[in-house]
Amino acid sequence: MLRKQLDNENRKTINSFPPNVDLDISGSNCHEKNDGLLRSALDYIYSNYQNKIVLSDLAHLCCMSVDTFSRKFSHEVGLPVQKYIKKFRLEKSKKLLSNTNLTVQQIAYQVGLDNQSFFNRAFKQAYSITPKEFRKIPE
């Protein structure tokens, strides 16, 4: 249900995640209340991924303790919150690398990763290629 409600750009980003990352929580047995709360958290992530996202803020948004929110999010989405945010940011960065002339540093900042060294390591770990090498790949 949540996946169907995502806008086209976010749906494309999620669909481009590696196949072992299951972000579709529509088949889960969560209650409508939890579904709405998780939807609020996902909307917040999609709207604020460029900024620092604090786990306690997401938990507060969903009226849950940090531990409860983390457990429910991981159960329903299949990834811990911070890992989900990192994957989302990296997917956004791939689009920027392909479609803009921004520097790697500018892209790192634009997707909410204010440390270029961390961005380069995370990108290489996720895709086995550096951001600069990714940009050189013909489409």
Protein backbone atom coordinates (compact mmCIF):
# COMPACT_ATOMS: atom_id res chain seq x y z
CA MET A 1 0.00 0.00 0.00
CA LEU A 2 2.76 2.48 0.87
CA ARG A 3 4.72 1.77 -2.28
CA LYS A 4 1.69 2.63 -4.45
CA GLN A 5 1.41 6.01 -2.73
CA LEU A 6 4.98 7.08 -3.47
CA ASP A 7 5.47 9.66 -6.17
CA ASN A 8 7.04 8.54 -9.45
CA GLU A 9 10.55 9.75 -8.69
CA ASN A 10 10.74 8.01 -5.32
CA ARG A 11 9.23 4.85 -6.81
CA LYS A 12 11.94 4.81 -9.50
CA THR A 13 14.60 5.30 -6.83
CA ILE A 14 13.26 2.46 -4.73
CA ASN A 15 12.93 0.19 -7.77
CA SER A 16 16.60 0.74 -8.54
CA PHE A 17 17.72 -0.59 -5.15
CA PRO A 18 19.57 -3.90 -5.24
CA PRO A 19 17.16 -6.85 -5.51
CA ASN A 20 17.94 -8.11 -2.01
CA VAL A 21 16.49 -4.90 -0.51
CA ASP A 22 12.75 -5.34 -0.10
CA LEU A 23 11.14 -1.95 0.47
CA ASP A 24 7.59 -2.98 -0.32
CA ILE A 25 5.72 -3.15 2.97
CA SER A 26 2.32 -3.53 1.34
CA GLY A 27 2.21 -7.26 1.96
CA SER A 28 3.03 -6.93 5.63
CA ASN A 29 0.52 -7.53 8.36
CA CYS A 30 0.93 -4.10 9.92
CA HIS A 31 -2.13 -2.35 11.24
CA GLU A 32 -3.56 0.73 9.54
CA LYS A 33 -2.27 2.88 12.41
CA ASN A 34 1.29 1.64 11.97
CA ASP A 35 0.97 1.96 8.21
CA GLY A 36 0.09 5.63 8.56
CA LEU A 37 2.88 6.24 11.03
CA LEU A 38 5.46 4.60 8.81
CA ARG A 39 4.09 6.58 5.87
CA SER A 40 4.75 9.76 7.88
CA ALA A 41 8.32 8.67 8.52
CA LEU A 42 8.91 7.79 4.87
CA ASP A 43 7.41 11.09 3.71
CA TYR A 44 9.70 12.90 6.13
CA ILE A 45 12.74 11.02 4.81
CA TYR A 46 11.82 11.75 1.17
CA SER A 47 11.29 15.43 1.92
CA ASN A 48 14.34 15.91 4.12
CA TYR A 49 17.01 13.53 2.86
CA GLN A 50 19.25 16.50 2.04
CA ASN A 51 19.38 17.42 5.72
CA LYS A 52 20.54 15.58 8.79
CA ILE A 53 17.82 13.11 9.80
CA VAL A 54 17.83 12.14 13.44
CA LEU A 55 16.31 8.83 14.47
CA SER A 56 14.73 10.37 17.56
CA ASP A 57 12.96 12.95 15.36
CA LEU A 58 11.44 10.20 13.23
CA ALA A 59 10.39 8.28 16.33
CA HIS A 60 8.83 11.43 17.81
CA LEU A 61 7.00 12.09 14.52
CA CYS A 62 5.46 8.62 14.81
CA CYS A 63 4.70 8.97 18.53
CA MET A 64 6.97 6.06 19.43
CA SER A 65 10.07 5.50 21.45
CA VAL A 66 13.28 5.25 19.45
CA ASP A 67 13.55 1.52 20.14
CA THR A 68 9.94 0.80 19.16
CA PHE A 69 10.16 2.90 16.02
CA SER A 70 13.46 1.30 14.98
CA ARG A 71 12.08 -2.19 15.51
CA LYS A 72 8.82 -1.50 13.61
CA PHE A 73 10.57 0.30 10.76
CA SER A 74 13.12 -2.49 10.33
CA HIS A 75 10.41 -5.14 10.49
CA GLU A 76 8.15 -3.45 7.94
CA VAL A 77 10.73 -2.02 5.54
CA GLY A 78 13.36 -4.72 5.88
CA LEU A 79 16.25 -2.36 6.64
CA PRO A 80 17.32 -0.37 9.68
CA VAL A 81 16.37 3.31 9.40
CA GLN A 82 19.88 4.68 8.86
CA LYS A 83 20.70 2.04 6.25
CA TYR A 84 17.47 2.85 4.39
CA ILE A 85 18.29 6.57 4.43
CA LYS A 86 21.83 5.91 3.22
CA LYS A 87 20.60 3.73 0.32
CA PHE A 88 18.01 6.35 -0.60
CA ARG A 89 20.66 9.08 -0.62
CA LEU A 90 23.04 6.99 -2.71
CA GLU A 91 20.32 6.30 -5.27
CA LYS A 92 19.60 10.03 -5.47
CA SER A 93 23.31 10.67 -5.95
CA LYS A 94 23.41 8.23 -8.90
CA LYS A 95 20.73 10.29 -10.63
CA LEU A 96 22.62 13.51 -9.98
CA LEU A 97 25.86 12.01 -11.25
CA SER A 98 24.11 10.91 -14.45
CA ASN A 99 22.01 14.00 -15.06
CA THR A 100 24.00 17.00 -13.82
CA ASN A 101 27.44 18.55 -14.07
CA LEU A 102 27.68 19.09 -10.33
CA THR A 103 30.96 18.08 -8.72
CA VAL A 104 31.08 14.95 -6.61
CA GLN A 105 31.45 17.14 -3.53
CA GLN A 106 28.38 19.20 -4.47
CA ILE A 107 26.37 16.03 -5.01
CA ALA A 108 27.47 14.62 -1.66
CA TYR A 109 26.26 17.79 0.07
CA GLN A 110 23.05 17.89 -1.96
CA VAL A 111 22.05 14.39 -0.85
CA GLY A 112 22.77 15.11 2.81
CA LEU A 113 26.25 13.60 3.13
CA ASP A 114 28.48 16.45 4.24
CA ASN A 115 31.68 14.40 4.16
CA GLN A 116 32.91 13.67 0.63
CA SER A 117 35.28 10.98 1.85
CA PHE A 118 32.40 9.13 3.53
CA PHE A 119 30.29 9.60 0.40
CA ASN A 120 33.01 8.13 -1.84
CA ARG A 121 33.49 5.12 0.46
CA ALA A 122 29.75 4.49 0.82
CA PHE A 123 29.19 4.78 -2.93
CA LYS A 124 32.05 2.40 -3.73
CA GLN A 125 30.87 -0.06 -1.07
CA ALA A 126 27.33 -0.02 -2.47
CA TYR A 127 28.11 -0.11 -6.20
CA SER A 128 31.74 -1.37 -6.43
CA ILE A 129 32.70 1.77 -8.33
CA THR A 130 33.63 5.31 -7.32
CA PRO A 131 31.29 8.22 -8.09
CA LYS A 132 33.78 9.60 -10.65
CA GLU A 133 34.03 6.23 -12.38
CA PHE A 134 30.22 5.91 -12.35
CA ARG A 135 29.90 9.29 -14.06
CA LYS A 136 32.22 8.15 -16.89
CA ILE A 137 30.03 5.13 -17.76
CA PRO A 138 28.14 5.85 -21.00
CA GLU A 139 24.40 5.67 -20.65
